[in-house]
Amino acid sequence: MSVPVDLERLADEVRRFGGAAFVLTTSDDSRPHAVHVPVALRSDGGITAEAGNRTRANAAARPLVSVVWAPIEALGYSLIVDGDASVDGVALTITPTRAVLHRTTPPAGESAGACGSDCVPLSAAER
C-alpha cells in the first residue's frame, strides 16, 4: 500500500508518536549507531534530537540520518523519517527528506504493499 500525503501529515504523526525516538547515524567504519533520545518537532517542520558526542560526530561527518519511533500499539506502524542532519550545540537539527509509516505485515485479510510489507509514505518527495 502506498499513499502519498503532504508533510503536514508528518508533523501530525511526530506529535502522535511522542517525544522520544531512535536516531540512527553511521560511524567511521560504516556501522550503524542507534540511540534512543528525546526529540521535538520544530515549527519549520524539522526535528531536533538531543545527542551525545558519538552521535553528533557521526552526523557531522555523515549527515544522512534516520529517526525511528516504535509502534504505539501491538502490530501497529513504526514511524521512520530519513533526513539531513546538522549539529547545533548538543542537539541535531534534522530536515526530513522522506518519511513512512511501516509495519512488517498487514493484519489478516489485508494485502501487502509493493514493498512486501504494509507501508504508507508520508513525504511529499514520494509523489
C-alpha atoms as a PDB file:
ATOM      1  CA  MET A   1       0.000   0.000   0.000  1.00  0.00           C
ATOM      2  CA  SER A   2       1.426   3.383  -0.958  1.00  0.00           C
ATOM      3  CA  VAL A   3      -0.492   6.547  -0.120  1.00  0.00           C
ATOM      4  CA  PRO A   4       1.451   9.795  -0.605  1.00  0.00           C
ATOM      5  CA  VAL A   5       0.493  12.698   1.643  1.00  0.00           C
ATOM      6  CA  ASP A   6       1.968  16.118   2.277  1.00  0.00           C
ATOM      7  CA  LEU A   7       4.473  16.918   5.002  1.00  0.00           C
ATOM      8  CA  GLU A   8       1.759  18.306   7.306  1.00  0.00           C
ATOM      9  CA  ARG A   9       0.866  14.687   7.949  1.00  0.00           C
ATOM     10  CA  LEU A  10       4.424  14.091   9.130  1.00  0.00           C
ATOM     11  CA  ALA A  11       4.044  16.778  11.806  1.00  0.00           C
ATOM     12  CA  ASP A  12       0.805  15.160  12.983  1.00  0.00           C
ATOM     13  CA  GLU A  13       2.469  11.747  13.149  1.00  0.00           C
ATOM     14  CA  VAL A  14       5.522  13.052  15.032  1.00  0.00           C
ATOM     15  CA  ARG A  15       3.192  14.581  17.618  1.00  0.00           C
ATOM     16  CA  ARG A  16       1.198  11.337  17.827  1.00  0.00           C
ATOM     17  CA  PHE A  17       4.277   9.121  18.277  1.00  0.00           C
ATOM     18  CA  GLY A  18       5.723  11.306  21.026  1.00  0.00           C
ATOM     19  CA  GLY A  19       8.881  12.871  22.341  1.00  0.00           C
ATOM     20  CA  ALA A  20      11.395  10.012  22.213  1.00  0.00           C
ATOM     21  CA  ALA A  21      12.756   8.081  19.246  1.00  0.00           C
ATOM     22  CA  PHE A  22      15.784   6.192  17.978  1.00  0.00           C
ATOM     23  CA  VAL A  23      18.277   8.260  15.981  1.00  0.00           C
ATOM     24  CA  LEU A  24      20.435   6.243  13.593  1.00  0.00           C
ATOM     25  CA  THR A  25      23.762   7.540  12.335  1.00  0.00           C
ATOM     26  CA  THR A  26      26.712   5.868  10.636  1.00  0.00           C
ATOM     27  CA  SER A  27      30.106   5.518  12.329  1.00  0.00           C
ATOM     28  CA  ASP A  28      33.561   5.921  10.763  1.00  0.00           C
ATOM     29  CA  ASP A  29      33.688   2.182   9.993  1.00  0.00           C
ATOM     30  CA  SER A  30      30.207   2.292   8.328  1.00  0.00           C
ATOM     31  CA  ARG A  31      28.472   0.529  11.204  1.00  0.00           C
ATOM     32  CA  PRO A  32      25.078   1.854  12.315  1.00  0.00           C
ATOM     33  CA  HIS A  33      24.898   3.710  15.613  1.00  0.00           C
ATOM     34  CA  ALA A  34      21.464   3.842  17.261  1.00  0.00           C
ATOM     35  CA  VAL A  35      20.477   5.817  20.342  1.00  0.00           C
ATOM     36  CA  HIS A  36      17.103   6.425  21.992  1.00  0.00           C
ATOM     37  CA  VAL A  37      16.845  10.156  22.710  1.00  0.00           C
ATOM     38  CA  PRO A  38      14.374  12.976  23.355  1.00  0.00           C
ATOM     39  CA  VAL A  39      13.108  14.521  20.109  1.00  0.00           C
ATOM     40  CA  ALA A  40      10.938  17.535  19.338  1.00  0.00           C
ATOM     41  CA  LEU A  41       9.136  18.897  16.328  1.00  0.00           C
ATOM     42  CA  ARG A  42      10.284  22.338  15.167  1.00  0.00           C
ATOM     43  CA  SER A  43       7.908  24.991  13.869  1.00  0.00           C
ATOM     44  CA  ASP A  44       9.607  24.764  10.450  1.00  0.00           C
ATOM     45  CA  GLY A  45       8.804  21.019  10.164  1.00  0.00           C
ATOM     46  CA  GLY A  46      12.265  19.909  11.224  1.00  0.00           C
ATOM     47  CA  ILE A  47      13.075  17.636  14.135  1.00  0.00           C
ATOM     48  CA  THR A  48      15.542  18.297  16.932  1.00  0.00           C
ATOM     49  CA  ALA A  49      17.157  15.430  18.787  1.00  0.00           C
ATOM     50  CA  GLU A  50      19.321  15.590  21.868  1.00  0.00           C
ATOM     51  CA  ALA A  51      22.544  13.776  21.045  1.00  0.00           C
ATOM     52  CA  GLY A  52      25.700  12.533  22.691  1.00  0.00           C
ATOM     53  CA  ASN A  53      29.266  13.019  21.477  1.00  0.00           C
ATOM     54  CA  ARG A  54      29.383   9.991  19.159  1.00  0.00           C
ATOM     55  CA  THR A  55      26.011  10.724  17.552  1.00  0.00           C
ATOM     56  CA  ARG A  56      26.974  14.361  16.953  1.00  0.00           C
ATOM     57  CA  ALA A  57      30.361  13.378  15.492  1.00  0.00           C
ATOM     58  CA  ASN A  58      28.750  10.795  13.217  1.00  0.00           C
ATOM     59  CA  ALA A  59      26.112  13.266  11.992  1.00  0.00           C
ATOM     60  CA  ALA A  60      28.691  15.998  11.393  1.00  0.00           C
ATOM     61  CA  ALA A  61      30.771  13.644   9.242  1.00  0.00           C
ATOM     62  CA  ARG A  62      27.843  11.803   7.582  1.00  0.00           C
ATOM     63  CA  PRO A  63      24.662  13.901   7.799  1.00  0.00           C
ATOM     64  CA  LEU A  64      22.257  11.351   6.292  1.00  0.00           C
ATOM     65  CA  VAL A  65      20.373  10.045   9.339  1.00  0.00           C
ATOM     66  CA  SER A  66      17.145   8.267  10.225  1.00  0.00           C
ATOM     67  CA  VAL A  67      14.765   8.723  13.143  1.00  0.00           C
ATOM     68  CA  VAL A  68      12.577   5.768  14.152  1.00  0.00           C
ATOM     69  CA  TRP A  69       9.609   5.694  16.511  1.00  0.00           C
ATOM     70  CA  ALA A  70       8.479   2.265  17.722  1.00  0.00           C
ATOM     71  CA  PRO A  71       4.844   1.244  17.183  1.00  0.00           C
ATOM     72  CA  ILE A  72       2.387   2.734  19.642  1.00  0.00           C
ATOM     73  CA  GLU A  73       0.255  -0.413  19.720  1.00  0.00           C
ATOM     74  CA  ALA A  74       0.967  -4.097  19.092  1.00  0.00           C
ATOM     75  CA  LEU A  75       1.189  -4.843  15.344  1.00  0.00           C
ATOM     76  CA  GLY A  76       0.976  -1.095  14.681  1.00  0.00           C
ATOM     77  CA  TYR A  77       3.056   1.090  12.447  1.00  0.00           C
ATOM     78  CA  SER A  78       6.535   2.408  13.198  1.00  0.00           C
ATOM     79  CA  LEU A  79       7.292   5.929  12.024  1.00  0.00           C
ATOM     80  CA  ILE A  80      10.554   6.142  10.064  1.00  0.00           C
ATOM     81  CA  VAL A  81      11.928   9.515   8.972  1.00  0.00           C
ATOM     82  CA  ASP A  82      15.055   9.928   6.834  1.00  0.00           C
ATOM     83  CA  GLY A  83      16.692  13.319   6.831  1.00  0.00           C
ATOM     84  CA  ASP A  84      19.687  15.587   6.609  1.00  0.00           C
ATOM     85  CA  ALA A  85      21.210  16.444   9.978  1.00  0.00           C
ATOM     86  CA  SER A  86      23.231  19.378  11.162  1.00  0.00           C
ATOM     87  CA  VAL A  87      24.855  19.676  14.566  1.00  0.00           C
ATOM     88  CA  ASP A  88      23.617  22.528  16.719  1.00  0.00           C
ATOM     89  CA  GLY A  89      25.360  22.551  20.101  1.00  0.00           C
ATOM     90  CA  VAL A  90      24.305  19.358  21.916  1.00  0.00           C
ATOM     91  CA  ALA A  91      21.475  18.621  19.509  1.00  0.00           C
ATOM     92  CA  LEU A  92      20.898  17.566  15.946  1.00  0.00           C
ATOM     93  CA  THR A  93      18.586  19.504  13.691  1.00  0.00           C
ATOM     94  CA  ILE A  94      17.094  17.110  11.155  1.00  0.00           C
ATOM     95  CA  THR A  95      15.400  18.222   7.953  1.00  0.00           C
ATOM     96  CA  PRO A  96      13.091  15.387   6.845  1.00  0.00           C
ATOM     97  CA  THR A  97      13.543  14.183   3.261  1.00  0.00           C
ATOM     98  CA  ARG A  98      11.385  11.041   3.378  1.00  0.00           C
ATOM     99  CA  ALA A  99       9.006   9.506   5.871  1.00  0.00           C
ATOM    100  CA  VAL A 100       6.954   6.344   6.050  1.00  0.00           C
ATOM    101  CA  LEU A 101       4.635   4.549   8.423  1.00  0.00           C
ATOM    102  CA  HIS A 102       5.828   0.940   8.289  1.00  0.00           C
ATOM    103  CA  ARG A 103       4.740  -2.416   9.636  1.00  0.00           C
ATOM    104  CA  THR A 104       6.172  -5.726   8.532  1.00  0.00           C
ATOM    105  CA  THR A 105       2.924  -7.449   7.659  1.00  0.00           C
ATOM    106  CA  PRO A 106      -0.633  -6.220   7.334  1.00  0.00           C
ATOM    107  CA  PRO A 107      -3.361  -7.709   9.523  1.00  0.00           C
ATOM    108  CA  ALA A 108      -5.110 -10.842   8.231  1.00  0.00           C
ATOM    109  CA  GLY A 109      -7.340 -10.070   5.283  1.00  0.00           C
ATOM    110  CA  GLU A 110      -5.346  -7.039   4.077  1.00  0.00           C
ATOM    111  CA  SER A 111      -2.842  -7.220   1.239  1.00  0.00           C
ATOM    112  CA  ALA A 112       0.804  -6.143   1.446  1.00  0.00           C
ATOM    113  CA  GLY A 113       2.073  -3.162  -0.489  1.00  0.00           C
ATOM    114  CA  ALA A 114       4.585  -3.176  -3.305  1.00  0.00           C
ATOM    115  CA  CYS A 115       7.487  -3.366  -0.852  1.00  0.00           C
ATOM    116  CA  GLY A 116       6.192  -6.674   0.557  1.00  0.00           C
ATOM    117  CA  SER A 117       5.145  -5.005   3.765  1.00  0.00           C
ATOM    118  CA  ASP A 118       2.486  -2.509   4.714  1.00  0.00           C
ATOM    119  CA  CYS A 119       3.991   0.969   4.130  1.00  0.00           C
ATOM    120  CA  VAL A 120       2.387   4.396   3.894  1.00  0.00           C
ATOM    121  CA  PRO A 121       4.740   7.141   2.557  1.00  0.00           C
ATOM    122  CA  LEU A 122       4.340  10.487   4.332  1.00  0.00           C
ATOM    123  CA  SER A 123       6.801  12.679   2.460  1.00  0.00           C
ATOM    124  CA  ALA A 124       5.861  14.908  -0.459  1.00  0.00           C
ATOM    125  CA  ALA A 125       9.081  13.674  -2.084  1.00  0.00           C
ATOM    126  CA  GLU A 126       7.385  10.297  -2.605  1.00  0.00           C
ATOM    127  CA  ARG A 127       4.919  11.683  -5.160  1.00  0.00           C
END
